[in-house]
Every structure is written in C-alpha cells, then in structure tokens.
Protein backbone atom coordinates (compact mmCIF):
# COMPACT_ATOMS: atom_id res chain seq x y z
CA MET A 1 120.35 236.66 161.32
CA THR A 2 118.70 233.83 159.35
CA LEU A 3 115.19 235.12 159.87
CA LEU A 4 116.28 238.64 158.91
CA LEU A 5 117.65 237.31 155.62
CA VAL A 6 114.41 235.37 155.06
CA PHE A 7 112.41 238.54 155.73
CA LEU A 8 114.63 240.47 153.31
CA ILE A 9 114.19 237.90 150.53
CA GLY A 10 110.47 238.45 151.05
CA VAL A 11 110.95 242.22 150.84
CA LEU A 12 112.72 241.73 147.52
CA ASN A 13 109.75 239.64 146.35
CA GLY A 14 107.71 242.75 147.00
CA LEU A 15 109.89 244.57 144.46
CA ARG A 16 110.01 241.82 141.82
CA SER A 17 107.94 238.72 142.44
CA LEU A 18 110.02 236.30 140.37
CA THR A 19 113.58 237.53 140.89
CA PRO A 20 114.13 236.03 144.38
CA PRO A 21 112.75 232.62 143.35
CA ALA A 22 114.97 232.69 140.24
CA ALA A 23 117.99 233.54 142.41
CA THR A 24 117.01 230.73 144.79
CA ALA A 25 116.79 228.33 141.85
CA TRP A 26 120.25 229.35 140.67
CA ALA A 27 121.68 229.04 144.18
CA ALA A 28 120.33 225.50 144.47
CA HIS A 29 121.50 224.62 140.97
CA LEU A 30 125.01 225.87 141.80
CA SER A 31 124.95 223.99 145.15
CA TRP A 32 125.10 227.21 147.22
CA LEU A 33 122.15 225.92 149.22
CA ARG A 34 120.22 222.75 149.83
CA LEU A 35 116.51 222.86 149.13
CA PRO A 36 113.96 221.19 151.39
CA ARG A 37 112.40 218.02 150.01
CA PHE A 38 109.23 219.74 148.75
CA ALA A 39 111.29 222.11 146.59
CA VAL A 40 114.16 220.02 145.20
CA TRP A 41 112.71 220.44 141.72
CA LEU A 42 113.61 224.16 141.89
CA GLY A 43 117.31 223.38 141.48
CA THR A 44 116.83 221.43 138.25
CA THR A 45 117.96 222.90 134.95
CA PRO A 46 114.41 223.20 133.54
CA ALA A 47 113.24 225.05 136.66
CA VAL A 48 116.25 227.38 136.58
CA VAL A 49 115.58 228.19 132.92
CA ILE A 50 111.84 228.72 133.45
CA PHE A 51 112.25 230.94 136.53
CA THR A 52 115.03 232.93 134.87
CA VAL A 53 112.95 233.55 131.75
CA LEU A 54 109.91 234.49 133.84
CA ALA A 55 112.00 236.87 135.95
CA LEU A 56 113.40 238.53 132.82
CA VAL A 57 109.91 238.87 131.35
CA GLU A 58 108.77 240.47 134.61
CA LEU A 59 111.66 242.96 134.49
CA VAL A 60 110.54 244.04 131.01
CA ASN A 61 106.82 243.93 131.77
CA ASP A 62 107.26 246.16 134.81
CA LYS A 63 108.26 249.06 132.54
CA LEU A 64 105.16 248.86 130.33
CA PRO A 65 102.57 251.60 130.85
CA LYS A 66 99.62 249.21 131.13
CA THR A 67 101.18 247.03 133.82
CA PRO A 68 98.96 247.17 136.92
CA SER A 69 100.29 248.32 140.27
CA ARG A 70 102.01 245.74 142.44
CA THR A 71 99.46 246.57 145.15
CA GLU A 72 96.55 245.33 143.04
CA PRO A 73 95.17 242.03 144.41
CA ILE A 74 96.68 239.70 141.79
CA GLY A 75 100.15 241.25 142.00
CA LEU A 76 100.04 241.32 145.79
CA ILE A 77 98.91 237.70 146.05
CA VAL A 78 101.67 236.49 143.69
CA ARG A 79 104.27 238.42 145.70
CA ILE A 80 103.04 236.93 148.98
CA ILE A 81 103.08 233.39 147.56
CA MET A 82 106.53 233.79 146.02
CA GLY A 83 107.87 235.43 149.20
CA ALA A 84 106.54 232.53 151.24
CA PHE A 85 108.05 230.05 148.80
CA ALA A 86 111.49 231.68 148.80
CA GLY A 87 111.43 231.95 152.60
CA ALA A 88 110.42 228.29 152.95
CA CYS A 89 113.31 227.29 150.67
CA LEU A 90 115.95 229.32 152.49
CA ALA A 91 115.11 228.99 156.19
CA PRO A 92 115.91 225.26 156.56
CA ASN A 93 119.49 225.91 155.41
CA ARG A 94 120.17 227.59 158.73
CA GLY A 95 118.18 225.32 161.03
CA GLN A 96 114.81 227.06 160.82
CA GLY A 97 111.64 225.37 159.66
CA SER A 98 110.03 225.85 156.27
CA ILE A 99 106.78 227.01 157.86
CA ILE A 100 108.40 229.84 159.83
CA GLY A 101 110.40 230.68 156.70
CA ALA A 102 107.21 230.84 154.65
CA LEU A 103 105.45 233.07 157.19
CA ILE A 104 108.37 235.46 157.50
CA GLY A 105 108.96 235.49 153.74
CA ALA A 106 105.28 236.31 153.17
CA ALA A 107 105.42 239.10 155.76
CA GLY A 108 108.50 240.50 154.05
CA ALA A 109 106.73 240.37 150.69
CA ILE A 110 103.80 242.38 152.05
CA ALA A 111 106.15 244.95 153.55
CA GLY A 112 108.27 245.10 150.39
CA THR A 113 105.26 245.46 148.12
CA PHE A 114 103.87 248.51 149.88
CA ALA A 115 107.23 250.06 150.83
CA GLY A 116 108.54 249.54 147.29
CA HIS A 117 105.44 251.12 145.80
CA GLN A 118 105.71 254.14 148.10
CA ALA A 119 109.45 254.53 147.56
CA ARG A 120 109.16 254.33 143.78
CA THR A 121 106.27 256.79 143.64
CA LYS A 122 107.97 259.27 145.96
CA LEU A 123 111.36 259.02 144.23
CA VAL A 124 109.82 259.66 140.82
CA ARG A 125 108.07 262.75 142.21
CA ALA A 126 111.00 264.03 144.27
CA LEU A 127 113.66 263.54 141.60
CA GLY A 128 111.47 264.49 138.65
CA THR A 129 112.71 261.48 136.72
CA PRO A 130 110.68 259.19 134.52
CA ASP A 131 109.29 256.13 136.31
CA PHE A 132 111.44 253.97 134.05
CA VAL A 133 114.65 255.28 135.66
CA ILE A 134 113.55 254.39 139.18
CA ALA A 135 112.24 251.04 137.94
CA ILE A 136 115.68 250.16 136.58
CA PHE A 137 117.24 251.07 139.94
CA GLU A 138 114.62 248.88 141.63
CA ASP A 139 115.55 246.02 139.27
CA LEU A 140 119.19 246.33 140.30
CA VAL A 141 118.25 246.25 143.99
CA ALA A 142 116.04 243.18 143.47
CA VAL A 143 118.60 241.24 141.43
CA GLY A 144 121.66 242.24 143.44
CA GLY A 145 119.91 241.83 146.77
CA SER A 146 118.49 238.43 145.86
CA LEU A 147 121.86 237.12 144.73
CA TYR A 148 123.53 238.49 147.84
CA ILE A 149 120.98 236.89 150.17
CA VAL A 150 120.98 233.44 148.57
CA SER A 151 124.78 233.43 148.58
CA ARG A 152 124.67 233.74 152.39
CA PHE A 153 123.03 230.36 152.80
C-alpha cells in the first residue's frame, strides 16, 4: 500500500508540480509525518510558506493562455523532480527507502503528466467546456488528493 501511495503522490505531481510538495511540507509541519534527514528543512515555517505560495502561483499560472503544456521538457522535468522528491519524503514513513520512494514518485509523475494532459484535453473536447473549467477540477483533484495521501503517513 505504501508504494501505491508514493506512486499516487507522483501522479498528482503530474497534475500540479508544486501541490504535492506543499502538502508534504504542511504534513511535516503539522507532525503528520516525519521527514528523512535530507528533507527536514521542508517542515520549517519558511519552507511551508514558500511552497504554499509557489503552489498557489502555479494554480493561477496554469489557467493563463500562454502557459506551456506540462509535457514540454521544462514542465516535465520539474514534475519528475518534484515527484521524486515527494516520494523520497513519504516512503521512509512506512519503512521504505528514500531511493525507492524517489524512483516510484518519479514514475508516477511521468504517468500523471501524460495521463493528466490526455484526460484534460479529452474532457474539454467531450464536454464542450472551456479548458478553465476542467483545470479547476484538476486543481481540486491535486489538492484534495495530495492532502489525503500525506494524511495517510
């Protein structure tokens, strides 16, 4: 179950690259989980504030017409890195290593990036709604899913 949750946090990184790390920061700050030594800084108040602000900026930026696709190299690389980071932070809380957590989180981020892109594109077409509407739904999935997953550790 642990590795499935780590994969899913990576998938959510594919939807919004900074939301899962922000949720992880909050979970550590609220003592819901213990961070591995390399990431203890993530639970500090400055880190929580910075990641929260960055995640909120990303939620707004995602709706702008000039925002590049998440599948473009820069967006994809950031999602992979953040998925690996979130996975490496969560996995040790259930007896798994940070390295396996990072690998599975990165794999989830790749899957989530491409599946999220396809789902959003197809839903916009199928429902005939503006992209903005589906993007808001995607935000809710990313935020709610991230909070749910980190609360399980």
